[in-house]
């Protein structure tokens, strides 16, 4: 069985960390391959996040869909 790939982008703020905790608690690791990317420390991944349609963090990208979970920080603030 192929796992769905997902990327959770965040900036390490309290809103982002709460969202990360919920995401990792509720997504089934047997069906979803989740990668967590801290854009505050992995600034080289900013272009990738922008290309995926991320406008603010925390955001989850799965199946080509970008889901903005809450507003922690605008992506432009992380540059």
C-alpha atoms as a PDB file:
ATOM      1  CA  UNK A   1       0.000   0.000   0.000  1.00  0.00           C
ATOM      2  CA  UNK A   2       1.353   3.435  -0.965  1.00  0.00           C
ATOM      3  CA  UNK A   3       1.353   6.077   1.728  1.00  0.00           C
ATOM      4  CA  UNK A   4       0.129   9.577   1.033  1.00  0.00           C
ATOM      5  CA  UNK A   5       2.862  12.162   1.480  1.00  0.00           C
ATOM      6  CA  UNK A   6       2.180  15.287   3.497  1.00  0.00           C
ATOM      7  CA  UNK A   7       4.322  18.215   4.598  1.00  0.00           C
ATOM      8  CA  UNK A   8       3.539  20.293   7.666  1.00  0.00           C
ATOM      9  CA  UNK A   9       5.211  23.718   7.504  1.00  0.00           C
ATOM     10  CA  UNK A  10       5.595  25.819  10.630  1.00  0.00           C
ATOM     11  CA  UNK A  11       7.723  28.534  12.204  1.00  0.00           C
ATOM     12  CA  UNK A  12       8.066  27.285  15.754  1.00  0.00           C
ATOM     13  CA  UNK A  13       5.613  29.751  17.300  1.00  0.00           C
ATOM     14  CA  UNK A  14       3.141  28.567  19.970  1.00  0.00           C
ATOM     15  CA  UNK A  15       0.279  28.404  17.442  1.00  0.00           C
ATOM     16  CA  UNK A  16       2.444  26.302  15.122  1.00  0.00           C
ATOM     17  CA  UNK A  17       3.607  23.967  17.883  1.00  0.00           C
ATOM     18  CA  UNK A  18       0.012  23.369  19.026  1.00  0.00           C
ATOM     19  CA  UNK A  19      -0.981  22.587  15.437  1.00  0.00           C
ATOM     20  CA  UNK A  20       2.007  20.248  15.025  1.00  0.00           C
ATOM     21  CA  UNK A  21       1.009  18.385  18.172  1.00  0.00           C
ATOM     22  CA  UNK A  22      -2.541  17.916  16.893  1.00  0.00           C
ATOM     23  CA  UNK A  23      -1.409  16.903  13.406  1.00  0.00           C
ATOM     24  CA  UNK A  24       1.045  14.298  14.635  1.00  0.00           C
ATOM     25  CA  UNK A  25      -1.488  12.961  17.130  1.00  0.00           C
ATOM     26  CA  UNK A  26      -4.341  12.506  14.664  1.00  0.00           C
ATOM     27  CA  UNK A  27      -2.742  11.556  11.338  1.00  0.00           C
ATOM     28  CA  UNK A  28      -2.309   7.818  10.909  1.00  0.00           C
ATOM     29  CA  UNK A  29       1.387   7.100  10.244  1.00  0.00           C
ATOM     30  CA  UNK A  30       0.478   3.812   8.549  1.00  0.00           C
ATOM     31  CA  UNK A  31      -1.311   5.708   5.772  1.00  0.00           C
ATOM     32  CA  UNK A  32       0.377   9.129   5.730  1.00  0.00           C
ATOM     33  CA  UNK A  33       4.082   9.862   5.424  1.00  0.00           C
ATOM     34  CA  UNK A  34       4.332  13.191   7.285  1.00  0.00           C
ATOM     35  CA  UNK A  35       7.355  15.460   7.028  1.00  0.00           C
ATOM     36  CA  UNK A  36       7.545  18.370   9.474  1.00  0.00           C
ATOM     37  CA  UNK A  37       9.454  21.419   8.219  1.00  0.00           C
ATOM     38  CA  UNK A  38      10.396  24.270  10.562  1.00  0.00           C
ATOM     39  CA  UNK A  39      10.755  27.196   8.162  1.00  0.00           C
ATOM     40  CA  UNK A  40      12.475  29.304  10.796  1.00  0.00           C
ATOM     41  CA  UNK A  41      15.466  26.969  10.734  1.00  0.00           C
ATOM     42  CA  UNK A  42      15.091  25.574   7.198  1.00  0.00           C
ATOM     43  CA  UNK A  43      14.817  28.814   5.234  1.00  0.00           C
ATOM     44  CA  UNK A  44      16.048  26.987   2.139  1.00  0.00           C
ATOM     45  CA  UNK A  45      12.605  25.314   2.055  1.00  0.00           C
ATOM     46  CA  UNK A  46      10.718  28.646   1.746  1.00  0.00           C
ATOM     47  CA  UNK A  47      10.578  28.535  -2.099  1.00  0.00           C
ATOM     48  CA  UNK A  48       9.155  25.005  -1.915  1.00  0.00           C
ATOM     49  CA  UNK A  49       6.475  26.136   0.559  1.00  0.00           C
ATOM     50  CA  UNK A  50       5.587  29.121  -1.631  1.00  0.00           C
ATOM     51  CA  UNK A  51       5.332  26.898  -4.698  1.00  0.00           C
ATOM     52  CA  UNK A  52       2.931  24.651  -2.783  1.00  0.00           C
ATOM     53  CA  UNK A  53       0.683  27.647  -2.094  1.00  0.00           C
ATOM     54  CA  UNK A  54       1.594  28.249   1.537  1.00  0.00           C
ATOM     55  CA  UNK A  55       0.774  31.855   2.483  1.00  0.00           C
ATOM     56  CA  UNK A  56       1.051  31.537   6.252  1.00  0.00           C
ATOM     57  CA  UNK A  57       2.072  28.974   8.814  1.00  0.00           C
ATOM     58  CA  UNK A  58       1.088  26.582  10.211  1.00  0.00           C
ATOM     59  CA  UNK A  59       0.038  24.889   6.993  1.00  0.00           C
ATOM     60  CA  UNK A  60      -0.373  21.295   5.885  1.00  0.00           C
ATOM     61  CA  UNK A  61       0.181  20.311   2.264  1.00  0.00           C
ATOM     62  CA  UNK A  62      -1.320  16.948   1.369  1.00  0.00           C
ATOM     63  CA  UNK A  63      -2.503  15.533  -1.935  1.00  0.00           C
ATOM     64  CA  UNK A  64      -1.727  18.784  -3.732  1.00  0.00           C
ATOM     65  CA  UNK A  65      -3.974  20.717  -1.350  1.00  0.00           C
ATOM     66  CA  UNK A  66      -2.636  23.439   0.932  1.00  0.00           C
ATOM     67  CA  UNK A  67      -4.527  23.702   4.192  1.00  0.00           C
ATOM     68  CA  UNK A  68      -3.901  26.771   6.326  1.00  0.00           C
ATOM     69  CA  UNK A  69      -4.667  25.642   9.856  1.00  0.00           C
ATOM     70  CA  UNK A  70      -4.431  28.876  11.812  1.00  0.00           C
ATOM     71  CA  UNK A  71      -2.522  32.119  11.505  1.00  0.00           C
ATOM     72  CA  UNK A  72       0.847  32.023  13.226  1.00  0.00           C
ATOM     73  CA  UNK A  73       2.979  34.016  10.789  1.00  0.00           C
ATOM     74  CA  UNK A  74       2.867  35.164   7.192  1.00  0.00           C
ATOM     75  CA  UNK A  75       5.369  33.358   4.993  1.00  0.00           C
ATOM     76  CA  UNK A  76       6.803  36.734   3.962  1.00  0.00           C
ATOM     77  CA  UNK A  77       7.776  37.377   7.614  1.00  0.00           C
ATOM     78  CA  UNK A  78      10.050  34.309   7.562  1.00  0.00           C
ATOM     79  CA  UNK A  79      12.236  35.554   4.703  1.00  0.00           C
END
